[in-house]
All heavy atoms as atom14 arrays in JSON, in Angstrom:
{
  "sequence": "NHDDEKLFFGRDGIYKKNTHFIKGSGVDLNEF",
  "atom14_mask": [
    [1, 1, 1, 1, 1, 1, 1, 1, 0, 0, 0, 0, 0, 0],
    [1, 1, 1, 1, 1, 1, 1, 1, 1, 1, 0, 0, 0, 0],
    [1, 1, 1, 1, 1, 1, 1, 1, 0, 0, 0, 0, 0, 0],
    [1, 1, 1, 1, 1, 1, 1, 1, 0, 0, 0, 0, 0, 0],
    [1, 1, 1, 1, 1, 1, 1, 1, 1, 0, 0, 0, 0, 0],
    [1, 1, 1, 1, 1, 1, 1, 1, 1, 0, 0, 0, 0, 0],
    [1, 1, 1, 1, 1, 1, 1, 1, 0, 0, 0, 0, 0, 0],
    [1, 1, 1, 1, 1, 1, 1, 1, 1, 1, 1, 0, 0, 0],
    [1, 1, 1, 1, 1, 1, 1, 1, 1, 1, 1, 0, 0, 0],
    [1, 1, 1, 1, 0, 0, 0, 0, 0, 0, 0, 0, 0, 0],
    [1, 1, 1, 1, 1, 1, 1, 1, 1, 1, 1, 0, 0, 0],
    [1, 1, 1, 1, 1, 1, 1, 1, 0, 0, 0, 0, 0, 0],
    [1, 1, 1, 1, 0, 0, 0, 0, 0, 0, 0, 0, 0, 0],
    [1, 1, 1, 1, 1, 1, 1, 1, 0, 0, 0, 0, 0, 0],
    [1, 1, 1, 1, 1, 1, 1, 1, 1, 1, 1, 1, 0, 0],
    [1, 1, 1, 1, 1, 1, 1, 1, 1, 0, 0, 0, 0, 0],
    [1, 1, 1, 1, 1, 1, 1, 1, 1, 0, 0, 0, 0, 0],
    [1, 1, 1, 1, 1, 1, 1, 1, 0, 0, 0, 0, 0, 0],
    [1, 1, 1, 1, 1, 1, 1, 0, 0, 0, 0, 0, 0, 0],
    [1, 1, 1, 1, 1, 1, 1, 1, 1, 1, 0, 0, 0, 0],
    [1, 1, 1, 1, 1, 1, 1, 1, 1, 1, 1, 0, 0, 0],
    [1, 1, 1, 1, 1, 1, 1, 1, 0, 0, 0, 0, 0, 0],
    [1, 1, 1, 1, 1, 1, 1, 1, 1, 0, 0, 0, 0, 0],
    [1, 1, 1, 1, 0, 0, 0, 0, 0, 0, 0, 0, 0, 0],
    [1, 1, 1, 1, 1, 1, 0, 0, 0, 0, 0, 0, 0, 0],
    [1, 1, 1, 1, 0, 0, 0, 0, 0, 0, 0, 0, 0, 0],
    [1, 1, 1, 1, 1, 1, 1, 0, 0, 0, 0, 0, 0, 0],
    [1, 1, 1, 1, 1, 1, 1, 1, 0, 0, 0, 0, 0, 0],
    [1, 1, 1, 1, 1, 1, 1, 1, 0, 0, 0, 0, 0, 0],
    [1, 1, 1, 1, 1, 1, 1, 1, 0, 0, 0, 0, 0, 0],
    [1, 1, 1, 1, 1, 1, 1, 1, 1, 0, 0, 0, 0, 0],
    [1, 1, 1, 1, 1, 1, 1, 1, 1, 1, 1, 0, 0, 0]
  ],
  "atom14_positions": [
    [[-11.58, -5.18, -12.43], [-12.36, -5.41, -13.65], [-13.72, -4.73, -13.52], [-14.16, -4.41, -12.41], [-12.52, -6.91, -13.93], [-13.24, -7.62, -12.8], [-14.43, -7.41, -12.57], [-12.53, -8.47, -12.07], [0.0, 0.0, 0.0], [0.0, 0.0, 0.0], [0.0, 0.0, 0.0], [0.0, 0.0, 0.0], [0.0, 0.0, 0.0], [0.0, 0.0, 0.0]],
    [[-14.37, -4.5, -14.65], [-15.64, -3.79, -14.65], [-16.81, -4.67, -14.22], [-17.85, -4.16, -13.8], [-15.91, -3.2, -16.04], [-14.98, -2.08, -16.39], [-15.14, -0.79, -15.9], [-13.85, -2.04, -17.16], [-14.18, -0.02, -16.36], [-13.38, -0.75, -17.12], [0.0, 0.0, 0.0], [0.0, 0.0, 0.0], [0.0, 0.0, 0.0], [0.0, 0.0, 0.0]],
    [[-16.66, -5.99, -14.3], [-17.72, -6.88, -13.84], [-17.99, -6.69, -12.35], [-19.14, -6.68, -11.92], [-17.33, -8.34, -14.11], [-17.26, -8.66, -15.59], [-18.3, -8.96, -16.17], [-16.15, -8.57, -16.15], [0.0, 0.0, 0.0], [0.0, 0.0, 0.0], [0.0, 0.0, 0.0], [0.0, 0.0, 0.0], [0.0, 0.0, 0.0], [0.0, 0.0, 0.0]],
    [[-16.92, -6.56, -11.57], [-17.1, -6.37, -10.13], [-17.74, -5.02, -9.83], [-18.56, -4.91, -8.91], [-15.75, -6.49, -9.41], [-15.27, -7.94, -9.33], [-16.09, -8.84, -9.56], [-14.08, -8.16, -9.06], [0.0, 0.0, 0.0], [0.0, 0.0, 0.0], [0.0, 0.0, 0.0], [0.0, 0.0, 0.0], [0.0, 0.0, 0.0], [0.0, 0.0, 0.0]],
    [[-17.37, -3.99, -10.59], [-17.99, -2.68, -10.38], [-19.5, -2.77, -10.61], [-20.29, -2.24, -9.82], [-17.38, -1.64, -11.31], [-17.97, -0.25, -11.09], [-17.75, 0.69, -12.26], [-17.58, 0.2, -13.38], [-17.79, 1.91, -12.04], [0.0, 0.0, 0.0], [0.0, 0.0, 0.0], [0.0, 0.0, 0.0], [0.0, 0.0, 0.0], [0.0, 0.0, 0.0]],
    [[-19.92, -3.43, -11.68], [-21.34, -3.57, -11.97], [-22.05, -4.37, -10.89], [-23.19, -4.06, -10.51], [-21.53, -4.25, -13.33], [-21.09, -3.39, -14.51], [-21.21, -4.18, -15.81], [-20.68, -3.36, -16.99], [-20.69, -4.16, -18.25], [0.0, 0.0, 0.0], [0.0, 0.0, 0.0], [0.0, 0.0, 0.0], [0.0, 0.0, 0.0], [0.0, 0.0, 0.0]],
    [[-21.38, -5.4, -10.37], [-21.97, -6.21, -9.31], [-22.22, -5.38, -8.06], [-23.27, -5.5, -7.42], [-21.04, -7.38, -8.98], [-21.49, -8.31, -7.85], [-22.72, -9.1, -8.27], [-20.36, -9.26, -7.45], [0.0, 0.0, 0.0], [0.0, 0.0, 0.0], [0.0, 0.0, 0.0], [0.0, 0.0, 0.0], [0.0, 0.0, 0.0], [0.0, 0.0, 0.0]],
    [[-21.27, -4.51, -7.74], [-21.4, -3.7, -6.53], [-22.39, -2.56, -6.7], [-23.24, -2.33, -5.85], [-20.03, -3.12, -6.15], [-19.24, -3.98, -5.23], [-18.67, -5.15, -5.69], [-19.06, -3.63, -3.91], [-17.94, -5.96, -4.86], [-18.34, -4.43, -3.06], [-17.77, -5.6, -3.53], [0.0, 0.0, 0.0], [0.0, 0.0, 0.0], [0.0, 0.0, 0.0]],
    [[-22.28, -1.83, -7.8], [-22.95, -0.55, -7.88], [-24.05, -0.46, -8.92], [-24.9, 0.42, -8.85], [-21.93, 0.56, -8.14], [-20.85, 0.65, -7.1], [-19.56, 0.95, -7.44], [-21.13, 0.39, -5.77], [-18.55, 1.03, -6.48], [-20.14, 0.45, -4.8], [-18.85, 0.78, -5.16], [0.0, 0.0, 0.0], [0.0, 0.0, 0.0], [0.0, 0.0, 0.0]],
    [[-24.06, -1.37, -9.92], [-25.08, -1.29, -10.95], [-25.14, 0.09, -11.56], [-24.15, 0.61, -12.06], [0.0, 0.0, 0.0], [0.0, 0.0, 0.0], [0.0, 0.0, 0.0], [0.0, 0.0, 0.0], [0.0, 0.0, 0.0], [0.0, 0.0, 0.0], [0.0, 0.0, 0.0], [0.0, 0.0, 0.0], [0.0, 0.0, 0.0], [0.0, 0.0, 0.0]],
    [[-26.3, 0.7, -11.51], [-26.48, 2.04, -12.06], [-26.32, 3.13, -11.0], [-26.58, 4.3, -11.26], [-27.86, 2.15, -12.7], [-28.05, 1.21, -13.89], [-29.42, 1.38, -14.51], [-29.6, 0.49, -15.65], [-30.72, 0.42, -16.36], [-31.76, 1.19, -16.04], [-30.81, -0.42, -17.37], [0.0, 0.0, 0.0], [0.0, 0.0, 0.0], [0.0, 0.0, 0.0]],
    [[-25.94, 2.74, -9.81], [-25.8, 3.7, -8.72], [-24.51, 4.49, -8.91], [-23.42, 3.98, -8.7], [-25.77, 2.95, -7.39], [-25.95, 3.87, -6.19], [-25.8, 5.09, -6.37], [-26.27, 3.37, -5.11], [0.0, 0.0, 0.0], [0.0, 0.0, 0.0], [0.0, 0.0, 0.0], [0.0, 0.0, 0.0], [0.0, 0.0, 0.0], [0.0, 0.0, 0.0]],
    [[-24.64, 5.74, -9.33], [-23.47, 6.53, -9.71], [-22.83, 7.32, -8.58], [-21.84, 8.02, -8.8], [0.0, 0.0, 0.0], [0.0, 0.0, 0.0], [0.0, 0.0, 0.0], [0.0, 0.0, 0.0], [0.0, 0.0, 0.0], [0.0, 0.0, 0.0], [0.0, 0.0, 0.0], [0.0, 0.0, 0.0], [0.0, 0.0, 0.0], [0.0, 0.0, 0.0]],
    [[-23.35, 7.21, -7.36], [-22.81, 8.06, -6.28], [-21.38, 7.69, -5.91], [-20.69, 8.47, -5.27], [-23.71, 8.0, -5.02], [-23.72, 6.59, -4.43], [-25.11, 8.47, -5.33], [-24.44, 6.5, -3.08], [0.0, 0.0, 0.0], [0.0, 0.0, 0.0], [0.0, 0.0, 0.0], [0.0, 0.0, 0.0], [0.0, 0.0, 0.0], [0.0, 0.0, 0.0]],
    [[-20.94, 6.49, -6.3], [-19.6, 6.04, -5.94], [-18.57, 6.29, -7.05], [-17.38, 6.09, -6.84], [-19.61, 4.54, -5.63], [-20.58, 4.15, -4.54], [-21.88, 3.79, -4.84], [-20.19, 4.13, -3.2], [-22.78, 3.43, -3.84], [-21.07, 3.77, -2.19], [-22.37, 3.42, -2.53], [-23.24, 3.07, -1.54], [0.0, 0.0, 0.0], [0.0, 0.0, 0.0]],
    [[-19.04, 6.68, -8.22], [-18.16, 6.75, -9.39], [-16.91, 7.6, -9.15], [-15.82, 7.25, -9.58], [-18.93, 7.29, -10.59], [-19.99, 6.35, -11.14], [-19.35, 5.18, -11.86], [-20.41, 4.34, -12.55], [-19.83, 3.17, -13.23], [0.0, 0.0, 0.0], [0.0, 0.0, 0.0], [0.0, 0.0, 0.0], [0.0, 0.0, 0.0], [0.0, 0.0, 0.0]],
    [[-17.09, 8.72, -8.48], [-15.95, 9.63, -8.29], [-14.87, 9.0, -7.42], [-13.72, 9.46, -7.41], [-16.44, 10.94, -7.64], [-17.02, 10.79, -6.24], [-17.49, 12.13, -5.71], [-18.03, 12.04, -4.28], [-19.19, 11.14, -4.16], [0.0, 0.0, 0.0], [0.0, 0.0, 0.0], [0.0, 0.0, 0.0], [0.0, 0.0, 0.0], [0.0, 0.0, 0.0]],
    [[-15.22, 7.95, -6.67], [-14.25, 7.3, -5.78], [-13.64, 6.03, -6.38], [-12.87, 5.34, -5.73], [-14.93, 6.92, -4.46], [-15.5, 8.12, -3.74], [-14.92, 9.2, -3.78], [-16.63, 7.95, -3.09], [0.0, 0.0, 0.0], [0.0, 0.0, 0.0], [0.0, 0.0, 0.0], [0.0, 0.0, 0.0], [0.0, 0.0, 0.0], [0.0, 0.0, 0.0]],
    [[-14.0, 5.72, -7.63], [-13.63, 4.45, -8.24], [-12.35, 4.57, -9.07], [-12.17, 5.52, -9.81], [-14.77, 3.93, -9.12], [-15.92, 3.68, -8.3], [-14.38, 2.63, -9.82], [0.0, 0.0, 0.0], [0.0, 0.0, 0.0], [0.0, 0.0, 0.0], [0.0, 0.0, 0.0], [0.0, 0.0, 0.0], [0.0, 0.0, 0.0], [0.0, 0.0, 0.0]],
    [[-11.49, 3.56, -8.92], [-10.24, 3.48, -9.69], [-10.14, 2.08, -10.27], [-10.65, 1.12, -9.69], [-9.03, 3.75, -8.8], [-9.09, 5.03, -8.04], [-8.47, 6.18, -8.46], [-9.72, 5.34, -6.86], [-8.7, 7.14, -7.58], [-9.46, 6.67, -6.61], [0.0, 0.0, 0.0], [0.0, 0.0, 0.0], [0.0, 0.0, 0.0], [0.0, 0.0, 0.0]],
    [[-9.45, 1.95, -11.41], [-9.23, 0.64, -12.02], [-7.73, 0.4, -12.16], [-7.01, 1.17, -12.78], [-9.91, 0.56, -13.39], [-11.39, 0.41, -13.3], [-12.21, 1.53, -13.3], [-11.98, -0.83, -13.16], [-13.58, 1.42, -13.19], [-13.35, -0.96, -13.04], [-14.15, 0.16, -13.06], [0.0, 0.0, 0.0], [0.0, 0.0, 0.0], [0.0, 0.0, 0.0]],
    [[-7.27, -0.68, -11.53], [-5.88, -1.1, -11.62], [-5.9, -2.6, -11.9], [-6.44, -3.38, -11.11], [-5.1, -0.81, -10.33], [-5.14, 0.69, -9.99], [-3.64, -1.27, -10.48], [-4.48, 1.05, -8.67], [0.0, 0.0, 0.0], [0.0, 0.0, 0.0], [0.0, 0.0, 0.0], [0.0, 0.0, 0.0], [0.0, 0.0, 0.0], [0.0, 0.0, 0.0]],
    [[-5.34, -3.03, -13.02], [-5.41, -4.43, -13.43], [-4.47, -5.29, -12.6], [-3.32, -5.52, -12.95], [-5.07, -4.57, -14.92], [-6.28, -4.61, -15.82], [-5.89, -5.05, -17.22], [-7.12, -5.18, -18.1], [-6.76, -5.62, -19.47], [0.0, 0.0, 0.0], [0.0, 0.0, 0.0], [0.0, 0.0, 0.0], [0.0, 0.0, 0.0], [0.0, 0.0, 0.0]],
    [[-4.98, -5.76, -11.48], [-4.21, -6.67, -10.66], [-3.18, -5.97, -9.79], [-3.12, -4.75, -9.72], [0.0, 0.0, 0.0], [0.0, 0.0, 0.0], [0.0, 0.0, 0.0], [0.0, 0.0, 0.0], [0.0, 0.0, 0.0], [0.0, 0.0, 0.0], [0.0, 0.0, 0.0], [0.0, 0.0, 0.0], [0.0, 0.0, 0.0], [0.0, 0.0, 0.0]],
    [[-2.37, -6.78, -9.13], [-1.36, -6.25, -8.21], [-0.02, -6.03, -8.89], [0.96, -5.69, -8.24], [-1.2, -7.19, -7.02], [-0.98, -8.51, -7.46], [0.0, 0.0, 0.0], [0.0, 0.0, 0.0], [0.0, 0.0, 0.0], [0.0, 0.0, 0.0], [0.0, 0.0, 0.0], [0.0, 0.0, 0.0], [0.0, 0.0, 0.0], [0.0, 0.0, 0.0]],
    [[0.02, -6.24, -10.21], [1.25, -5.99, -10.95], [2.21, -7.16, -10.9], [2.06, -8.11, -10.13], [0.0, 0.0, 0.0], [0.0, 0.0, 0.0], [0.0, 0.0, 0.0], [0.0, 0.0, 0.0], [0.0, 0.0, 0.0], [0.0, 0.0, 0.0], [0.0, 0.0, 0.0], [0.0, 0.0, 0.0], [0.0, 0.0, 0.0], [0.0, 0.0, 0.0]],
    [[3.23, -7.06, -11.72], [4.24, -8.11, -11.78], [5.6, -7.46, -12.04], [5.69, -6.46, -12.75], [3.9, -9.15, -12.88], [3.86, -8.5, -14.25], [4.85, -10.32, -12.86], [0.0, 0.0, 0.0], [0.0, 0.0, 0.0], [0.0, 0.0, 0.0], [0.0, 0.0, 0.0], [0.0, 0.0, 0.0], [0.0, 0.0, 0.0], [0.0, 0.0, 0.0]],
    [[6.62, -8.01, -11.42], [7.99, -7.52, -11.6], [8.5, -7.99, -12.96], [8.76, -9.18, -13.16], [8.88, -8.04, -10.48], [10.26, -7.43, -10.49], [10.76, -7.07, -11.58], [10.86, -7.31, -9.4], [0.0, 0.0, 0.0], [0.0, 0.0, 0.0], [0.0, 0.0, 0.0], [0.0, 0.0, 0.0], [0.0, 0.0, 0.0], [0.0, 0.0, 0.0]],
    [[8.63, -7.06, -13.88], [9.03, -7.42, -15.26], [10.48, -7.83, -15.36], [10.89, -8.4, -16.38], [8.74, -6.24, -16.19], [7.27, -5.82, -16.31], [7.14, -4.63, -17.26], [6.4, -6.97, -16.77], [0.0, 0.0, 0.0], [0.0, 0.0, 0.0], [0.0, 0.0, 0.0], [0.0, 0.0, 0.0], [0.0, 0.0, 0.0], [0.0, 0.0, 0.0]],
    [[11.27, -7.57, -14.32], [12.65, -8.03, -14.31], [12.75, -9.46, -13.78], [13.52, -10.28, -14.28], [13.52, -7.1, -13.46], [13.65, -5.73, -14.08], [13.83, -5.6, -15.3], [13.53, -4.68, -13.27], [0.0, 0.0, 0.0], [0.0, 0.0, 0.0], [0.0, 0.0, 0.0], [0.0, 0.0, 0.0], [0.0, 0.0, 0.0], [0.0, 0.0, 0.0]],
    [[11.95, -9.75, -12.75], [11.93, -11.11, -12.22], [11.27, -12.06, -13.22], [11.79, -13.14, -13.5], [11.19, -11.16, -10.89], [11.11, -12.56, -10.3], [10.29, -12.63, -9.02], [9.74, -11.59, -8.6], [10.2, -13.73, -8.45], [0.0, 0.0, 0.0], [0.0, 0.0, 0.0], [0.0, 0.0, 0.0], [0.0, 0.0, 0.0], [0.0, 0.0, 0.0]],
    [[10.12, -11.66, -13.73], [9.4, -12.45, -14.72], [9.74, -11.89, -16.1], [8.96, -11.17, -16.72], [7.9, -12.43, -14.45], [7.51, -13.19, -13.22], [7.54, -12.58, -11.98], [7.16, -14.52, -13.3], [7.21, -13.29, -10.83], [6.81, -15.25, -12.17], [6.85, -14.62, -10.93], [0.0, 0.0, 0.0], [0.0, 0.0, 0.0], [0.0, 0.0, 0.0]]
  ]
}
């Protein structure tokens, strides 16, 4: 989530190129 990114880095952009967003660890759509 973006809240955690803001908590870690604020306006510090040096890490941006290394940042990825993946919503959770996923779920098996066949099992669930």
